[in-house]
Amino acid sequence: MLPNLKSETKLPLINGDRFDALLRQVDPNAVLDEDVRRALMKEADQFIEEVLTKACQLTKHRRGSTLEAKDVLTVLDRCYNIHLPGKTNIFTVAKSRSNDPKPKLMQSKIKKL
């Protein structure tokens, strides 16, 4: 069963060490003011919580009992227009096929022949 995410105890979803490691991946020489660091960590926590809440709602909507990667990928794609490299989502594939001008171009060239 999916847990209820509306718990009263709020633990940070990303801790300071993990945040620092992510920052070093982006810029090894970056130095942040402590207030900026806290604000960014808070925003990251809120974003993660929003994505997980929406993904759990999607799981319930499809009558699933387990949160799956496809739920998170769908939320990232549909709600935030975020596409992860190497991760395929059925909506991303369908969208890319429907907007692909190649089939129309090929059909027009075939008609000219």
Protein backbone atom coordinates (compact mmCIF):
# COMPACT_ATOMS: atom_id res chain seq x y z
CA MET A 1 0.00 0.00 0.00
CA LEU A 2 1.06 3.55 -0.63
CA PRO A 3 1.88 5.51 2.51
CA ASN A 4 0.12 8.74 3.29
CA LEU A 5 2.66 11.47 2.56
CA LYS A 6 0.91 14.05 4.74
CA SER A 7 2.77 13.25 7.91
CA GLU A 8 3.31 15.80 10.63
CA THR A 9 7.03 15.12 11.00
CA LYS A 10 9.00 16.83 8.27
CA LEU A 11 12.44 15.38 7.76
CA PRO A 12 14.68 16.89 5.09
CA LEU A 13 14.61 14.79 1.93
CA ILE A 14 18.10 15.94 0.99
CA ASN A 15 20.72 16.35 3.70
CA GLY A 16 23.58 18.83 3.76
CA ASP A 17 26.26 16.33 2.76
CA ARG A 18 24.28 15.14 -0.25
CA PHE A 19 23.55 18.73 -1.27
CA ASP A 20 27.25 19.61 -1.06
CA ALA A 21 28.13 16.57 -3.20
CA LEU A 22 25.61 17.65 -5.84
CA LEU A 23 26.98 21.19 -5.77
CA ARG A 24 30.55 19.90 -6.27
CA GLN A 25 29.35 17.97 -9.35
CA VAL A 26 28.06 21.22 -10.84
CA ASP A 27 31.00 23.40 -9.79
CA PRO A 28 33.84 22.05 -7.64
CA ASN A 29 34.87 25.60 -6.67
CA ALA A 30 31.41 26.90 -5.72
CA VAL A 31 30.99 28.52 -2.33
CA LEU A 32 27.52 29.35 -1.07
CA ASP A 33 26.44 31.63 1.72
CA GLU A 34 24.76 29.57 4.45
CA ASP A 35 21.42 31.36 3.94
CA VAL A 36 21.53 30.61 0.21
CA ARG A 37 22.46 26.99 0.91
CA ARG A 38 19.51 26.59 3.30
CA ALA A 39 17.12 28.25 0.84
CA LEU A 40 18.24 25.97 -2.02
CA MET A 41 17.93 22.89 0.18
CA LYS A 42 14.43 23.97 1.20
CA GLU A 43 13.43 24.46 -2.46
CA ALA A 44 14.89 21.06 -3.36
CA ASP A 45 12.92 19.43 -0.53
CA GLN A 46 9.70 21.12 -1.67
CA PHE A 47 10.29 20.04 -5.28
CA ILE A 48 10.95 16.43 -4.31
CA GLU A 49 7.88 16.38 -2.07
CA GLU A 50 5.68 17.81 -4.85
CA VAL A 51 6.95 15.29 -7.40
CA LEU A 52 6.48 12.35 -5.03
CA THR A 53 3.00 13.51 -4.00
CA LYS A 54 1.89 13.84 -7.62
CA ALA A 55 3.51 10.52 -8.54
CA CYS A 56 1.67 8.78 -5.67
CA GLN A 57 -1.59 10.34 -6.85
CA LEU A 58 -0.87 9.03 -10.34
CA THR A 59 -0.15 5.57 -8.93
CA LYS A 60 -3.49 5.60 -7.11
CA HIS A 61 -5.23 6.85 -10.27
CA ARG A 62 -3.93 3.88 -12.27
CA ARG A 63 -5.02 1.65 -9.37
CA GLY A 64 -1.45 0.64 -8.60
CA SER A 65 -0.19 -0.35 -5.20
CA THR A 66 3.49 0.43 -5.82
CA LEU A 67 5.08 3.71 -6.83
CA GLU A 68 7.04 2.98 -10.00
CA ALA A 69 9.64 4.89 -11.99
CA LYS A 70 7.12 5.43 -14.78
CA ASP A 71 4.93 7.40 -12.35
CA VAL A 72 7.77 9.73 -11.42
CA LEU A 73 8.89 10.07 -15.06
CA THR A 74 5.35 10.93 -16.12
CA VAL A 75 5.05 13.63 -13.45
CA LEU A 76 8.44 15.11 -14.36
CA ASP A 77 7.48 15.09 -18.05
CA ARG A 78 3.91 16.32 -17.82
CA CYS A 79 4.09 18.76 -14.90
CA TYR A 80 7.64 20.10 -15.12
CA ASN A 81 8.73 19.39 -18.72
CA ILE A 82 11.80 17.57 -17.38
CA HIS A 83 13.16 14.71 -19.47
CA LEU A 84 15.86 12.49 -18.01
CA PRO A 85 18.50 11.27 -20.49
CA GLY A 86 18.35 7.53 -20.98
CA LYS A 87 14.94 7.23 -19.32
CA THR A 88 12.09 6.69 -21.73
CA ASN A 89 8.55 7.63 -20.86
CA ILE A 90 5.62 6.43 -22.95
CA PHE A 91 4.33 10.01 -23.21
CA THR A 92 7.70 11.34 -24.35
CA VAL A 93 7.95 8.69 -27.07
CA ALA A 94 4.40 9.33 -28.27
CA LYS A 95 4.92 13.10 -28.22
CA SER A 96 8.18 12.90 -30.16
CA ARG A 97 6.58 10.68 -32.79
CA SER A 98 3.57 12.93 -33.24
CA ASN A 99 5.73 16.05 -33.72
CA ASP A 100 8.25 14.40 -36.02
CA PRO A 101 8.14 16.12 -39.45
CA LYS A 102 10.07 13.31 -41.17
CA PRO A 103 7.07 11.11 -42.07
CA LYS A 104 5.25 14.08 -43.63
CA LEU A 105 8.38 15.11 -45.51
CA MET A 106 8.89 11.56 -46.75
CA GLN A 107 5.27 11.35 -47.91
CA SER A 108 5.59 14.59 -49.87
CA LYS A 109 8.77 13.34 -51.56
CA ILE A 110 7.08 10.05 -52.45
CA LYS A 111 4.18 11.95 -54.03
CA LYS A 112 6.65 13.92 -56.17
CA LEU A 113 8.09 10.68 -57.56
